[in-house]
PDB file of N, CA and C in Angstrom:
ATOM      1  N   MET A   1     -10.120 105.782-126.510  1.00  0.00           N
ATOM      2  CA  MET A   1      -8.663 105.790-126.410  1.00  0.00           C
ATOM      3  C   MET A   1      -8.132 104.510-127.045  1.00  0.00           C
ATOM      4  N   ALA A   2      -7.139 104.630-127.869  1.00  0.00           N
ATOM      5  CA  ALA A   2      -6.549 103.464-128.531  1.00  0.00           C
ATOM      6  C   ALA A   2      -5.843 102.595-127.504  1.00  0.00           C
ATOM      7  N   ILE A   3      -5.948 101.287-127.703  1.00  0.00           N
ATOM      8  CA  ILE A   3      -5.317 100.345-126.766  1.00  0.00           C
ATOM      9  C   ILE A   3      -3.816 100.584-126.680  1.00  0.00           C
ATOM     10  N   HIS A   4      -3.205 100.937-127.816  1.00  0.00           N
ATOM     11  CA  HIS A   4      -1.765 101.189-127.824  1.00  0.00           C
ATOM     12  C   HIS A   4      -1.413 102.312-126.855  1.00  0.00           C
ATOM     13  N   LYS A   5      -2.182 103.401-126.877  1.00  0.00           N
ATOM     14  CA  LYS A   5      -1.920 104.521-125.971  1.00  0.00           C
ATOM     15  C   LYS A   5      -2.201 104.122-124.531  1.00  0.00           C
ATOM     16  N   MET A   6      -3.267 103.329-124.322  1.00  0.00           N
ATOM     17  CA  MET A   6      -3.601 102.892-122.980  1.00  0.00           C
ATOM     18  C   MET A   6      -2.483 102.027-122.402  1.00  0.00           C
ATOM     19  N   LEU A   7      -1.946 101.107-123.219  1.00  0.00           N
ATOM     20  CA  LEU A   7      -0.865 100.250-122.746  1.00  0.00           C
ATOM     21  C   LEU A   7       0.386 101.059-122.465  1.00  0.00           C
ATOM     22  N   ARG A   8       0.690 102.008-123.352  1.00  0.00           N
ATOM     23  CA  ARG A   8       1.855 102.862-123.128  1.00  0.00           C
ATOM     24  C   ARG A   8       1.693 103.659-121.843  1.00  0.00           C
ATOM     25  N   ARG A   9       0.473 104.165-121.637  1.00  0.00           N
ATOM     26  CA  ARG A   9       0.219 104.937-120.434  1.00  0.00           C
ATOM     27  C   ARG A   9       0.423 104.080-119.198  1.00  0.00           C
ATOM     28  N   SER A  10       0.051 102.808-119.280  1.00  0.00           N
ATOM     29  CA  SER A  10       0.242 101.926-118.129  1.00  0.00           C
ATOM     30  C   SER A  10       1.726 101.702-117.860  1.00  0.00           C
ATOM     31  N   LEU A  11       2.535 101.723-118.927  1.00  0.00           N
ATOM     32  CA  LEU A  11       3.980 101.576-118.735  1.00  0.00           C
ATOM     33  C   LEU A  11       4.563 102.783-118.016  1.00  0.00           C
ATOM     34  N   SER A  12       4.155 103.986-118.403  1.00  0.00           N
ATOM     35  CA  SER A  12       4.690 105.178-117.752  1.00  0.00           C
ATOM     36  C   SER A  12       4.177 105.277-116.320  1.00  0.00           C
ATOM     37  N   ALA A  13       2.959 104.820-116.079  1.00  0.00           N
ATOM     38  CA  ALA A  13       2.403 104.841-114.732  1.00  0.00           C
ATOM     39  C   ALA A  13       3.146 103.879-113.816  1.00  0.00           C
ATOM     40  N   GLU A  14       3.761 102.856-114.396  1.00  0.00           N
ATOM     41  CA  GLU A  14       4.498 101.869-113.604  1.00  0.00           C
ATOM     42  C   GLU A  14       5.614 102.540-112.825  1.00  0.00           C
ATOM     43  N   LYS A  15       6.219 103.552-113.377  1.00  0.00           N
ATOM     44  CA  LYS A  15       7.321 104.240-112.712  1.00  0.00           C
ATOM     45  C   LYS A  15       6.838 104.941-111.454  1.00  0.00           C
ATOM     46  N   ARG A  16       5.565 105.364-111.452  1.00  0.00           N
ATOM     47  CA  ARG A  16       5.000 106.053-110.296  1.00  0.00           C
ATOM     48  C   ARG A  16       4.413 105.081-109.282  1.00  0.00           C
ATOM     49  N   SER A  17       3.916 103.948-109.752  1.00  0.00           N
ATOM     50  CA  SER A  17       3.217 103.025-108.859  1.00  0.00           C
ATOM     51  C   SER A  17       3.263 101.614-109.419  1.00  0.00           C
ATOM     52  N   THR A  18       3.340 100.651-108.534  1.00  0.00           N
ATOM     53  CA  THR A  18       3.308  99.260-108.978  1.00  0.00           C
ATOM     54  C   THR A  18       1.929  98.654-108.740  1.00  0.00           C
ATOM     55  N   GLU A  19       0.953  99.478-108.335  1.00  0.00           N
ATOM     56  CA  GLU A  19      -0.388  98.979-108.085  1.00  0.00           C
ATOM     57  C   GLU A  19      -1.079  98.615-109.391  1.00  0.00           C
ATOM     58  N   VAL A  20      -1.914  97.591-109.304  1.00  0.00           N
ATOM     59  CA  VAL A  20      -2.695  97.146-110.451  1.00  0.00           C
ATOM     60  C   VAL A  20      -4.157  97.373-110.103  1.00  0.00           C
ATOM     61  N   PRO A  21      -4.909  98.078-110.968  1.00  0.00           N
ATOM     62  CA  PRO A  21      -6.325  98.337-110.662  1.00  0.00           C
ATOM     63  C   PRO A  21      -7.125  97.042-110.548  1.00  0.00           C
ATOM     64  N   LYS A  22      -8.175  97.091-109.767  1.00  0.00           N
ATOM     65  CA  LYS A  22      -9.073  95.944-109.613  1.00  0.00           C
ATOM     66  C   LYS A  22      -9.597  95.534-110.986  1.00  0.00           C
ATOM     67  N   GLY A  23      -9.594  94.218-111.254  1.00  0.00           N
ATOM     68  CA  GLY A  23     -10.078  93.711-112.532  1.00  0.00           C
ATOM     69  C   GLY A  23      -9.006  93.683-113.614  1.00  0.00           C
ATOM     70  N   HIS A  24      -7.754  93.954-113.238  1.00  0.00           N
ATOM     71  CA  HIS A  24      -6.647  93.959-114.179  1.00  0.00           C
ATOM     72  C   HIS A  24      -5.525  93.059-113.670  1.00  0.00           C
ATOM     73  N   LEU A  25      -4.581  92.798-114.539  1.00  0.00           N
ATOM     74  CA  LEU A  25      -3.461  91.909-114.243  1.00  0.00           C
ATOM     75  C   LEU A  25      -2.207  92.486-114.887  1.00  0.00           C
ATOM     76  N   ALA A  26      -1.114  92.466-114.171  1.00  0.00           N
ATOM     77  CA  ALA A  26       0.160  92.898-114.744  1.00  0.00           C
ATOM     78  C   ALA A  26       0.845  91.690-115.370  1.00  0.00           C
ATOM     79  N   VAL A  27       1.325  91.860-116.592  1.00  0.00           N
ATOM     80  CA  VAL A  27       2.082  90.809-117.278  1.00  0.00           C
ATOM     81  C   VAL A  27       3.357  91.426-117.821  1.00  0.00           C
ATOM     82  N   TYR A  28       4.343  90.585-118.030  1.00  0.00           N
ATOM     83  CA  TYR A  28       5.618  91.016-118.595  1.00  0.00           C
ATOM     84  C   TYR A  28       5.753  90.406-119.981  1.00  0.00           C
ATOM     85  N   VAL A  29       6.111  91.243-120.942  1.00  0.00           N
ATOM     86  CA  VAL A  29       6.132  90.834-122.338  1.00  0.00           C
ATOM     87  C   VAL A  29       7.454  91.207-122.965  1.00  0.00           C
ATOM     88  N   GLY A  30       7.957  90.317-123.825  1.00  0.00           N
ATOM     89  CA  GLY A  30       9.165  90.606-124.573  1.00  0.00           C
ATOM     90  C   GLY A  30      10.028  89.380-124.713  1.00  0.00           C
ATOM     91  N   GLU A  31      10.878  89.422-125.710  1.00  0.00           N
ATOM     92  CA  GLU A  31      11.766  88.286-125.931  1.00  0.00           C
ATOM     93  C   GLU A  31      13.067  88.453-125.148  1.00  0.00           C
ATOM     94  N   ASN A  32      13.647  89.626-125.199  1.00  0.00           N
ATOM     95  CA  ASN A  32      14.878  89.881-124.440  1.00  0.00           C
ATOM     96  C   ASN A  32      14.586  90.804-123.260  1.00  0.00           C
ATOM     97  N   GLU A  33      14.274  92.040-123.567  1.00  0.00           N
ATOM     98  CA  GLU A  33      13.929  92.992-122.525  1.00  0.00           C
ATOM     99  C   GLU A  33      12.434  92.891-122.249  1.00  0.00           C
ATOM    100  N   LYS A  34      12.069  92.650-121.015  1.00  0.00           N
ATOM    101  CA  LYS A  34      10.664  92.485-120.653  1.00  0.00           C
ATOM    102  C   LYS A  34      10.072  93.838-120.262  1.00  0.00           C
ATOM    103  N   LYS A  35       8.853  94.104-120.761  1.00  0.00           N
ATOM    104  CA  LYS A  35       8.125  95.313-120.395  1.00  0.00           C
ATOM    105  C   LYS A  35       6.841  94.910-119.700  1.00  0.00           C
ATOM    106  N   ARG A  36       6.427  95.727-118.769  1.00  0.00           N
ATOM    107  CA  ARG A  36       5.234  95.449-117.964  1.00  0.00           C
ATOM    108  C   ARG A  36       4.011  96.090-118.620  1.00  0.00           C
ATOM    109  N   PHE A  37       2.943  95.305-118.759  1.00  0.00           N
ATOM    110  CA  PHE A  37       1.663  95.776-119.274  1.00  0.00           C
ATOM    111  C   PHE A  37       0.595  95.440-118.252  1.00  0.00           C
ATOM    112  N   VAL A  38      -0.397  96.289-118.146  1.00  0.00           N
ATOM    113  CA  VAL A  38      -1.545  96.039-117.282  1.00  0.00           C
ATOM    114  C   VAL A  38      -2.739  95.813-118.195  1.00  0.00           C
ATOM    115  N   ILE A  39      -3.345  94.631-118.074  1.00  0.00           N
ATOM    116  CA  ILE A  39      -4.439  94.243-118.971  1.00  0.00           C
ATOM    117  C   ILE A  39      -5.671  93.853-118.162  1.00  0.00           C
ATOM    118  N   PRO A  40      -6.850  93.948-118.766  1.00  0.00           N
ATOM    119  CA  PRO A  40      -8.059  93.475-118.076  1.00  0.00           C
ATOM    120  C   PRO A  40      -8.023  91.945-117.918  1.00  0.00           C
ATOM    121  N   VAL A  41      -8.487  91.442-116.789  1.00  0.00           N
ATOM    122  CA  VAL A  41      -8.492  89.990-116.583  1.00  0.00           C
ATOM    123  C   VAL A  41      -9.413  89.287-117.570  1.00  0.00           C
ATOM    124  N   SER A  42     -10.348  90.003-118.161  1.00  0.00           N
ATOM    125  CA  SER A  42     -11.253  89.389-119.142  1.00  0.00           C
ATOM    126  C   SER A  42     -10.495  88.837-120.346  1.00  0.00           C
ATOM    127  N   TYR A  43      -9.306  89.369-120.631  1.00  0.00           N
ATOM    128  CA  TYR A  43      -8.506  88.864-121.748  1.00  0.00           C
ATOM    129  C   TYR A  43      -8.114  87.399-121.543  1.00  0.00           C
ATOM    130  N   LEU A  44      -8.019  86.965-120.291  1.00  0.00           N
ATOM    131  CA  LEU A  44      -7.574  85.607-119.997  1.00  0.00           C
ATOM    132  C   LEU A  44      -8.509  84.548-120.557  1.00  0.00           C
ATOM    133  N   ASN A  45      -9.758  84.896-120.785  1.00  0.00           N
ATOM    134  CA  ASN A  45     -10.736  83.929-121.311  1.00  0.00           C
ATOM    135  C   ASN A  45     -10.743  83.839-122.829  1.00  0.00           C
ATOM    136  N   HIS A  46     -10.081  84.739-123.506  1.00  0.00           N
ATOM    137  CA  HIS A  46     -10.105  84.750-124.969  1.00  0.00           C
ATOM    138  C   HIS A  46      -9.164  83.670-125.526  1.00  0.00           C
ATOM    139  N   PRO A  47      -9.619  82.904-126.532  1.00  0.00           N
ATOM    140  CA  PRO A  47      -8.789  81.823-127.093  1.00  0.00           C
ATOM    141  C   PRO A  47      -7.417  82.282-127.591  1.00  0.00           C
ATOM    142  N   LEU A  48      -7.332  83.457-128.200  1.00  0.00           N
ATOM    143  CA  LEU A  48      -6.019  83.929-128.671  1.00  0.00           C
ATOM    144  C   LEU A  48      -5.074  84.187-127.508  1.00  0.00           C
ATOM    145  N   PHE A  49      -5.603  84.757-126.432  1.00  0.00           N
ATOM    146  CA  PHE A  49      -4.761  85.013-125.269  1.00  0.00           C
ATOM    147  C   PHE A  49      -4.393  83.709-124.581  1.00  0.00           C
ATOM    148  N   GLN A  50      -5.310  82.751-124.590  1.00  0.00           N
ATOM    149  CA  GLN A  50      -5.018  81.458-123.983  1.00  0.00           C
ATOM    150  C   GLN A  50      -3.881  80.740-124.713  1.00  0.00           C
ATOM    151  N   GLU A  51      -3.753  80.981-126.025  1.00  0.00           N
ATOM    152  CA  GLU A  51      -2.612  80.419-126.762  1.00  0.00           C
ATOM    153  C   GLU A  51      -1.308  80.980-126.223  1.00  0.00           C
ATOM    154  N   LEU A  52      -1.280  82.280-125.941  1.00  0.00           N
ATOM    155  CA  LEU A  52      -0.078  82.882-125.351  1.00  0.00           C
ATOM    156  C   LEU A  52       0.206  82.288-123.974  1.00  0.00           C
ATOM    157  N   LEU A  53      -0.848  82.039-123.213  1.00  0.00           N
ATOM    158  CA  LEU A  53      -0.660  81.442-121.887  1.00  0.00           C
ATOM    159  C   LEU A  53      -0.079  80.033-121.990  1.00  0.00           C
ATOM    160  N   CYS A  54      -0.506  79.281-123.001  1.00  0.00           N
ATOM    161  CA  CYS A  54       0.057  77.938-123.219  1.00  0.00           C
ATOM    162  C   CYS A  54       1.541  78.028-123.572  1.00  0.00           C
ATOM    163  N   GLN A  55       1.894  78.996-124.396  1.00  0.00           N
ATOM    164  CA  GLN A  55       3.307  79.200-124.741  1.00  0.00           C
ATOM    165  C   GLN A  55       4.105  79.567-123.500  1.00  0.00           C
ATOM    166  N   ALA A  56       3.531  80.409-122.654  1.00  0.00           N
ATOM    167  CA  ALA A  56       4.206  80.799-121.419  1.00  0.00           C
ATOM    168  C   ALA A  56       4.414  79.591-120.519  1.00  0.00           C
ATOM    169  N   GLU A  57       3.410  78.730-120.443  1.00  0.00           N
ATOM    170  CA  GLU A  57       3.525  77.520-119.622  1.00  0.00           C
ATOM    171  C   GLU A  57       4.612  76.603-120.163  1.00  0.00           C
ATOM    172  N   GLU A  58       4.658  76.444-121.494  1.00  0.00           N
ATOM    173  CA  GLU A  58       5.683  75.585-122.095  1.00  0.00           C
ATOM    174  C   GLU A  58       7.084  76.128-121.845  1.00  0.00           C
ATOM    175  N   GLU A  59       7.231  77.433-121.939  1.00  0.00           N
ATOM    176  CA  GLU A  59       8.565  78.025-121.791  1.00  0.00           C
ATOM    177  C   GLU A  59       9.001  78.173-120.348  1.00  0.00           C
ATOM    178  N   PHE A  60       8.084  78.600-119.469  1.00  0.00           N
ATOM    179  CA  PHE A  60       8.471  78.930-118.104  1.00  0.00           C
ATOM    180  C   PHE A  60       7.892  77.990-117.048  1.00  0.00           C
ATOM    181  N   GLY A  61       6.916  77.162-117.412  1.00  0.00           N
ATOM    182  CA  GLY A  61       6.256  76.354-116.393  1.00  0.00           C
ATOM    183  C   GLY A  61       5.583  77.271-115.394  1.00  0.00           C
ATOM    184  N   PHE A  62       5.817  77.041-114.121  1.00  0.00           N
ATOM    185  CA  PHE A  62       5.243  77.909-113.103  1.00  0.00           C
ATOM    186  C   PHE A  62       6.286  78.840-112.505  1.00  0.00           C
ATOM    187  N   HIS A  63       7.479  78.849-113.081  1.00  0.00           N
ATOM    188  CA  HIS A  63       8.537  79.758-112.621  1.00  0.00           C
ATOM    189  C   HIS A  63       8.673  80.876-113.649  1.00  0.00           C
ATOM    190  N   HIS A  64       8.210  82.054-113.288  1.00  0.00           N
ATOM    191  CA  HIS A  64       8.310  83.196-114.188  1.00  0.00           C
ATOM    192  C   HIS A  64       9.422  84.112-113.690  1.00  0.00           C
ATOM    193  N   PRO A  65      10.438  84.344-114.514  1.00  0.00           N
ATOM    194  CA  PRO A  65      11.637  85.057-114.088  1.00  0.00           C
ATOM    195  C   PRO A  65      11.398  86.483-113.594  1.00  0.00           C
ATOM    196  N   MET A  66      10.312  87.115-114.001  1.00  0.00           N
ATOM    197  CA  MET A  66      10.063  88.494-113.594  1.00  0.00           C
ATOM    198  C   MET A  66       9.276  88.561-112.281  1.00  0.00           C
ATOM    199  N   GLY A  67       8.879  87.413-111.746  1.00  0.00           N
ATOM    200  CA  GLY A  67       8.096  87.411-110.528  1.00  0.00           C
ATOM    201  C   GLY A  67       6.605  87.555-110.789  1.00  0.00           C
ATOM    202  N   GLY A  68       6.238  87.703-112.033  1.00  0.00           N
ATOM    203  CA  GLY A  68       4.839  87.803-112.448  1.00  0.00           C
ATOM    204  C   GLY A  68       4.680  87.029-113.740  1.00  0.00           C
ATOM    205  N   LEU A  69       3.479  86.984-114.257  1.00  0.00           N
ATOM    206  CA  LEU A  69       3.213  86.256-115.488  1.00  0.00           C
ATOM    207  C   LEU A  69       4.041  86.846-116.629  1.00  0.00           C
ATOM    208  N   THR A  70       4.858  86.015-117.254  1.00  0.00           N
ATOM    209  CA  THR A  70       5.723  86.442-118.357  1.00  0.00           C
ATOM    210  C   THR A  70       5.223  85.811-119.645  1.00  0.00           C
ATOM    211  N   ILE A  71       4.979  86.641-120.657  1.00  0.00           N
ATOM    212  CA  ILE A  71       4.468  86.189-121.948  1.00  0.00           C
ATOM    213  C   ILE A  71       5.617  86.195-122.952  1.00  0.00           C
ATOM    214  N   PRO A  72       5.964  85.032-123.526  1.00  0.00           N
ATOM    215  CA  PRO A  72       7.104  84.957-124.440  1.00  0.00           C
ATOM    216  C   PRO A  72       6.723  85.311-125.884  1.00  0.00           C
ATOM    217  N   CYS A  73       6.539  86.602-126.158  1.00  0.00           N
ATOM    218  CA  CYS A  73       6.282  87.046-127.516  1.00  0.00           C
ATOM    219  C   CYS A  73       6.828  88.464-127.656  1.00  0.00           C
ATOM    220  N   THR A  74       6.854  88.950-128.872  1.00  0.00           N
ATOM    221  CA  THR A  74       7.345  90.309-129.072  1.00  0.00           C
ATOM    222  C   THR A  74       6.334  91.310-128.530  1.00  0.00           C
ATOM    223  N   GLU A  75       6.831  92.470-128.187  1.00  0.00           N
ATOM    224  CA  GLU A  75       5.960  93.536-127.704  1.00  0.00           C
ATOM    225  C   GLU A  75       4.950  93.928-128.790  1.00  0.00           C
ATOM    226  N   ASP A  76       5.396  93.997-130.034  1.00  0.00           N
ATOM    227  CA  ASP A  76       4.500  94.364-131.137  1.00  0.00           C
ATOM    228  C   ASP A  76       3.363  93.364-131.305  1.00  0.00           C
ATOM    229  N   LEU A  77       3.671  92.074-131.240  1.00  0.00           N
ATOM    230  CA  LEU A  77       2.638  91.046-131.350  1.00  0.00           C
ATOM    231  C   LEU A  77       1.628  91.173-130.210  1.00  0.00           C
ATOM    232  N   PHE A  78       2.130  91.405-129.000  1.00  0.00           N
ATOM    233  CA  PHE A  78       1.251  91.538-127.841  1.00  0.00           C
ATOM    234  C   PHE A  78       0.329  92.747-127.989  1.00  0.00           C
ATOM    235  N   ILE A  79       0.863  93.861-128.442  1.00  0.00           N
ATOM    236  CA  ILE A  79       0.056  95.064-128.637  1.00  0.00           C
ATOM    237  C   ILE A  79      -0.993  94.826-129.721  1.00  0.00           C
ATOM    238  N   ASP A  80      -0.606  94.155-130.803  1.00  0.00           N
ATOM    239  CA  ASP A  80      -1.576  93.832-131.856  1.00  0.00           C
ATOM    240  C   ASP A  80      -2.697  92.953-131.311  1.00  0.00           C
ATOM    241  N   LEU A  81      -2.338  91.923-130.539  1.00  0.00           N
ATOM    242  CA  LEU A  81      -3.329  91.009-129.978  1.00  0.00           C
ATOM    243  C   LEU A  81      -4.259  91.732-129.020  1.00  0.00           C
ATOM    244  N   THR A  82      -3.720  92.500-128.107  1.00  0.00           N
ATOM    245  CA  THR A  82      -4.566  93.192-127.128  1.00  0.00           C
ATOM    246  C   THR A  82      -5.418  94.269-127.807  1.00  0.00           C
ATOM    247  N   SER A  83      -4.924  94.841-128.866  1.00  0.00           N
ATOM    248  CA  SER A  83      -5.715  95.798-129.625  1.00  0.00           C
ATOM    249  C   SER A  83      -6.933  95.102-130.235  1.00  0.00           C
ATOM    250  N   HIS A  84      -6.712  93.910-130.769  1.00  0.00           N
ATOM    251  CA  HIS A  84      -7.800  93.104-131.327  1.00  0.00           C
ATOM    252  C   HIS A  84      -8.811  92.721-130.240  1.00  0.00           C
ATOM    253  N   LEU A  85      -8.312  92.343-129.078  1.00  0.00           N
ATOM    254  CA  LEU A  85      -9.191  91.932-127.986  1.00  0.00           C
ATOM    255  C   LEU A  85     -10.017  93.100-127.453  1.00  0.00           C
ATOM    256  N   SER A  86      -9.454  94.286-127.469  1.00  0.00           N
ATOM    257  CA  SER A  86     -10.188  95.446-126.952  1.00  0.00           C
ATOM    258  C   SER A  86     -11.358  95.824-127.855  1.00  0.00           C
ATOM    259  N   ARG A  87     -11.280  95.438-129.127  1.00  0.00           N
ATOM    260  CA  ARG A  87     -12.361  95.727-130.073  1.00  0.00           C
ATOM    261  C   ARG A  87     -13.435  94.653-130.047  1.00  0.00           C
ATOM    262  N   ALA A  88     -13.102  93.492-129.504  1.00  0.00           N
ATOM    263  CA  ALA A  88     -14.047  92.352-129.522  1.00  0.00           C
ATOM    264  C   ALA A  88     -15.160  92.516-128.519  1.00  0.00           C
TER     265      ALA A  88
END
């Protein structure tokens, strides 16, 4: 299954449930309108993802406006990055 479809599916599932499967993390992505994505926690160790986390820390510190981890990048960039990580 393509990561893009998996991420989209997680967005539609959000309407039915706010639960996050074991081994995953919900993050909010977007510049203006934030969308919720559910990602494997293993992504947190990847250097490319850690760069996004540093940007999030610089922009939001420890206060994330959505109540969860907010990533300050475009949805397209995030999907491209997670697609790359899923192949690694």
